[in-house]
Amino acid sequence: MTRVALVTGSSSGIGAATARLLAERGMRVVVDYLHSGQAAKDVVAEIEAAGGQAMAVQADVRDVAAVDRMIEQIRAAWGGGVDVLVHNALTPYVIKPFHDMTWEELGGKLDDEMRAAYVVTKAVLPTMTDQGWGRVIYLGTGLSRRPRAGMIALGTAKAALAQFARYLAQELGPAGITVNVVEPGPVAETKMTHGLDDDLKQRQVAATPLGRLATPADVAQAVAFYASADNRFMTGTTAAVNGGMAMY
């Protein structure tokens, strides 16, 4: 049986690396995007050139109607629902201290983060529940445990997502569905590190026992394990992909 994996926000970075790896391991992959249509099509083309199967679908994962349309497109194309959800889409957030932050900025990020996770998870659960098998993986961040100046909106929202995942793991385990979180530290070649100055990057590398920042491919490897049939007995866990920068 060929599993179908939906990777949200997968036109670049960690999402794109994950989409390519899951396809390489034999899954049909849905490359979800919001604005970067050509980049998503390029990811699909790379997958198909390597012999895999993929499709690009535009959907704002905060929008119930858009996500429902995406699920229908998947059914129409491949005759079934989603077996593996990798929720990677990153909603906008501000970088500023709490002292200067409005409730709309902090509460808006919390609402966006949880709304997206709620909507996309609700959409894929019927298929997983009916077949008694499913994999749900959420992308978190080390900032949910280790604060950094200006990152309170993202760190707080991702901390909420991690606890949401634990509650789902408890509830969905009897249905054969595992729910886990992959929590990267700083990742090179992604939007989150493009704004960091070289001095901060070097300090982060110096604080990492493995001597470098993660790459999107490093994070994708952890996601792929959680997504696989080999992961038969891990749920409600968090994989810290940070090279030892933080150990917990």
Protein backbone atom coordinates (compact mmCIF):
# COMPACT_ATOMS: atom_id res chain seq x y z
CA MET A 1 0.00 0.00 0.00
CA THR A 2 1.33 3.43 -0.99
CA ARG A 3 0.82 5.95 1.79
CA VAL A 4 -0.18 9.54 1.11
CA ALA A 5 1.68 12.26 3.01
CA LEU A 6 0.50 15.86 3.25
CA VAL A 7 3.33 18.28 4.06
CA THR A 8 2.04 21.76 4.77
CA GLY A 9 4.22 24.71 3.86
CA SER A 10 6.50 22.57 1.74
CA SER A 11 7.59 24.81 -1.12
CA SER A 12 10.96 25.46 0.53
CA GLY A 13 13.20 24.78 3.53
CA ILE A 14 12.31 22.00 5.96
CA GLY A 15 8.99 21.31 4.27
CA ALA A 16 10.55 20.83 0.83
CA ALA A 17 13.32 18.62 2.23
CA THR A 18 10.71 16.52 4.02
CA ALA A 19 8.54 16.21 0.91
CA ARG A 20 11.51 15.00 -1.13
CA LEU A 21 12.60 12.48 1.50
CA LEU A 22 9.13 11.01 2.06
CA ALA A 23 8.72 10.63 -1.71
CA GLU A 24 12.14 8.97 -1.91
CA ARG A 25 10.90 6.49 0.70
CA GLY A 26 7.89 5.56 -1.39
CA MET A 27 5.07 7.86 -0.30
CA ARG A 28 2.86 9.95 -2.53
CA VAL A 29 3.41 13.52 -1.36
CA VAL A 30 1.15 16.55 -1.37
CA VAL A 31 3.21 19.74 -1.51
CA ASP A 32 1.01 22.36 0.15
CA TYR A 33 1.80 26.03 -0.38
CA LEU A 34 0.17 29.41 0.16
CA HIS A 35 2.00 31.93 -2.05
CA SER A 36 5.03 30.18 -3.60
CA GLY A 37 3.34 28.30 -6.42
CA GLN A 38 6.34 28.04 -8.72
CA ALA A 39 8.61 26.86 -5.90
CA ALA A 40 6.06 24.17 -4.98
CA LYS A 41 5.88 23.04 -8.61
CA ASP A 42 9.68 22.88 -8.68
CA VAL A 43 9.63 20.57 -5.63
CA VAL A 44 7.07 18.35 -7.38
CA ALA A 45 9.20 18.30 -10.53
CA GLU A 46 12.28 17.24 -8.53
CA ILE A 47 10.30 14.43 -6.90
CA GLU A 48 8.91 13.21 -10.20
CA ALA A 49 12.32 13.40 -11.88
CA ALA A 50 13.61 11.07 -9.14
CA GLY A 51 10.79 8.60 -9.83
CA GLY A 52 8.40 9.65 -7.06
CA GLN A 53 4.81 10.83 -7.04
CA ALA A 54 3.75 14.29 -5.88
CA MET A 55 1.24 17.03 -6.45
CA ALA A 56 1.23 20.72 -5.52
CA VAL A 57 -1.91 22.15 -3.93
CA GLN A 58 -2.54 25.72 -2.80
CA ALA A 59 -4.31 26.01 0.55
CA ASP A 60 -4.19 28.35 3.51
CA VAL A 61 -4.28 25.78 6.31
CA ARG A 62 -6.06 28.23 8.60
CA ASP A 63 -9.05 28.18 6.24
CA VAL A 64 -11.49 25.28 6.70
CA ALA A 65 -12.96 25.57 3.21
CA ALA A 66 -9.51 25.72 1.57
CA VAL A 67 -8.31 22.65 3.46
CA ASP A 68 -11.51 20.73 2.62
CA ARG A 69 -10.94 21.53 -1.07
CA MET A 70 -7.38 20.27 -0.77
CA ILE A 71 -8.54 16.98 0.73
CA GLU A 72 -11.04 16.58 -2.12
CA GLN A 73 -8.29 17.23 -4.68
CA ILE A 74 -6.19 14.51 -3.05
CA ARG A 75 -9.10 12.06 -3.16
CA ALA A 76 -9.84 12.90 -6.79
CA ALA A 77 -6.20 12.42 -7.80
CA TRP A 78 -5.26 9.36 -5.76
CA GLY A 79 -8.52 7.81 -4.61
CA GLY A 80 -8.03 8.14 -0.86
CA GLY A 81 -7.28 10.41 2.06
CA VAL A 82 -4.15 11.41 3.94
CA ASP A 83 -2.22 8.77 5.91
CA VAL A 84 0.60 11.01 7.14
CA LEU A 85 0.30 14.66 8.14
CA VAL A 86 3.44 16.74 8.50
CA HIS A 87 2.29 20.15 9.67
CA ASN A 88 5.16 22.47 8.88
CA ALA A 89 3.43 25.65 7.66
CA LEU A 90 4.71 28.72 9.50
CA THR A 91 2.19 31.49 10.06
CA PRO A 92 3.45 35.10 10.35
CA TYR A 93 4.76 36.48 13.65
CA VAL A 94 6.45 39.61 14.94
CA ILE A 95 9.92 39.77 16.47
CA LYS A 96 9.89 42.26 19.33
CA PRO A 97 10.00 42.36 23.14
CA PHE A 98 6.83 41.83 25.14
CA HIS A 99 7.05 45.41 26.41
CA ASP A 100 6.39 46.69 22.86
CA MET A 101 3.93 44.00 21.81
CA THR A 102 0.17 44.37 21.40
CA TRP A 103 -2.31 41.63 22.26
CA GLU A 104 -3.21 41.48 18.58
CA GLU A 105 0.39 40.54 17.80
CA LEU A 106 0.78 37.94 20.54
CA GLY A 107 -2.80 36.64 20.55
CA GLY A 108 -2.95 36.73 16.77
CA LYS A 109 0.04 34.41 16.49
CA LEU A 110 -1.41 32.06 19.09
CA ASP A 111 -4.72 31.99 17.23
CA ASP A 112 -3.09 31.42 13.83
CA GLU A 113 -0.83 28.65 15.16
CA MET A 114 -3.58 26.71 16.88
CA ARG A 115 -6.20 27.36 14.21
CA ALA A 116 -3.95 25.95 11.49
CA ALA A 117 -3.10 22.85 13.55
CA TYR A 118 -6.76 22.34 14.46
CA VAL A 119 -8.08 22.75 10.91
CA VAL A 120 -5.60 20.56 9.10
CA THR A 121 -5.66 17.84 11.77
CA LYS A 122 -9.46 17.70 11.79
CA ALA A 123 -9.42 17.27 8.02
CA VAL A 124 -7.12 14.24 7.95
CA LEU A 125 -8.37 12.32 10.99
CA PRO A 126 -11.42 10.62 9.40
CA THR A 127 -9.25 8.55 7.04
CA MET A 128 -6.70 7.71 9.72
CA THR A 129 -9.41 6.71 12.19
CA ASP A 130 -11.29 4.57 9.68
CA GLN A 131 -8.19 2.59 8.74
CA GLY A 132 -6.78 2.38 12.28
CA TRP A 133 -3.42 3.83 11.24
CA GLY A 134 -2.04 7.33 10.96
CA ARG A 135 0.96 9.52 11.59
CA VAL A 136 0.77 13.15 12.70
CA ILE A 137 3.96 15.19 13.04
CA TYR A 138 4.06 18.84 14.04
CA LEU A 139 7.07 21.09 13.50
CA GLY A 140 7.90 23.00 16.66
CA THR A 141 10.94 25.02 17.67
CA GLY A 142 13.55 24.98 20.38
CA LEU A 143 12.39 28.52 21.20
CA SER A 144 9.38 27.01 22.96
CA ARG A 145 11.79 25.79 25.67
CA ARG A 146 14.76 28.14 25.42
CA PRO A 147 13.68 31.79 25.14
CA ARG A 148 15.53 34.21 22.91
CA ALA A 149 15.08 37.97 22.87
CA GLY A 150 12.19 39.11 20.72
CA MET A 151 10.83 35.62 20.01
CA ILE A 152 8.03 35.49 22.60
CA ALA A 153 5.22 35.27 20.01
CA LEU A 154 6.69 32.31 18.12
CA GLY A 155 8.02 30.53 21.21
CA THR A 156 4.74 30.78 23.11
CA ALA A 157 2.65 29.67 20.13
CA LYS A 158 4.87 26.65 19.47
CA ALA A 159 4.80 25.70 23.16
CA ALA A 160 1.01 25.61 22.91
CA LEU A 161 1.29 23.43 19.80
CA ALA A 162 3.54 20.96 21.61
CA GLN A 163 1.05 20.53 24.45
CA PHE A 164 -1.79 20.18 21.93
CA ALA A 165 0.19 17.33 20.35
CA ARG A 166 0.52 15.51 23.68
CA TYR A 167 -3.21 15.66 24.32
CA LEU A 168 -3.91 14.35 20.82
CA ALA A 169 -1.38 11.55 21.30
CA GLN A 170 -3.26 10.41 24.40
CA GLU A 171 -6.65 10.59 22.70
CA LEU A 172 -5.72 9.11 19.32
CA GLY A 173 -3.40 6.31 20.44
CA PRO A 174 -6.24 3.76 20.77
CA ALA A 175 -7.13 4.47 17.13
CA GLY A 176 -3.62 3.52 15.95
CA ILE A 177 -2.56 7.11 15.30
CA THR A 178 0.75 8.44 16.61
CA VAL A 179 1.31 12.15 17.25
CA ASN A 180 4.79 13.58 17.72
CA VAL A 181 6.70 16.85 17.51
CA VAL A 182 10.00 17.59 15.78
CA GLU A 183 11.63 20.57 17.45
CA PRO A 184 14.59 22.01 15.53
CA GLY A 185 17.11 24.40 16.91
CA PRO A 186 18.51 27.00 14.48
CA VAL A 187 18.35 25.64 10.93
CA ALA A 188 20.55 26.99 8.16
CA GLU A 189 19.01 27.88 4.79
CA THR A 190 15.60 28.76 6.21
CA LYS A 191 13.61 31.97 6.66
CA MET A 192 14.10 31.86 10.44
CA THR A 193 17.89 32.14 10.17
CA HIS A 194 18.09 34.56 7.25
CA GLY A 195 17.51 37.45 9.64
CA LEU A 196 20.26 36.46 12.07
CA ASP A 197 23.54 38.33 11.95
CA ASP A 198 26.77 36.40 11.46
CA ASP A 199 27.92 37.00 15.02
CA LEU A 200 24.80 35.38 16.48
CA LYS A 201 25.07 32.45 14.06
CA GLN A 202 28.67 31.88 15.12
CA ARG A 203 27.70 31.97 18.80
CA GLN A 204 25.01 29.38 18.09
CA VAL A 205 27.49 27.15 16.29
CA ALA A 206 29.94 27.50 19.19
CA ALA A 207 27.18 26.44 21.62
CA THR A 208 26.42 23.30 19.58
CA PRO A 209 28.45 20.18 20.46
CA LEU A 210 28.20 18.89 16.88
CA GLY A 211 29.77 22.11 15.66
CA ARG A 212 27.26 23.37 13.08
CA LEU A 213 23.67 24.42 12.59
CA ALA A 214 21.09 21.92 11.43
CA THR A 215 20.16 21.68 7.77
CA PRO A 216 16.62 21.11 6.46
CA ALA A 217 17.71 17.57 5.56
CA ASP A 218 18.67 16.87 9.19
CA VAL A 219 15.19 17.84 10.33
CA ALA A 220 13.56 15.87 7.52
CA GLN A 221 15.27 12.67 8.71
CA ALA A 222 13.59 12.94 12.13
CA VAL A 223 10.23 13.68 10.53
CA ALA A 224 10.59 10.70 8.19
CA PHE A 225 11.15 8.32 11.08
CA TYR A 226 8.05 9.53 12.90
CA ALA A 227 6.11 9.22 9.60
CA SER A 228 7.17 5.66 8.92
CA ALA A 229 5.73 2.28 9.77
CA ASP A 230 8.92 1.68 11.77
CA ASN A 231 7.63 4.12 14.38
CA ARG A 232 5.27 1.67 16.04
CA PHE A 233 5.61 2.67 19.69
CA MET A 234 6.56 6.33 20.00
CA THR A 235 3.83 8.87 20.50
CA GLY A 236 3.53 12.08 22.50
CA THR A 237 7.29 12.61 22.17
CA THR A 238 9.48 15.45 20.98
CA ALA A 239 12.60 15.00 18.87
CA ALA A 240 15.08 17.82 19.49
CA VAL A 241 17.08 18.30 16.30
CA ASN A 242 19.62 20.79 17.57
CA GLY A 243 23.03 19.12 17.57
CA GLY A 244 23.12 19.09 21.36
CA MET A 245 22.63 22.85 21.76
CA ALA A 246 19.92 21.99 24.28
CA MET A 247 19.58 18.60 25.94
CA TYR A 248 16.31 17.48 27.50
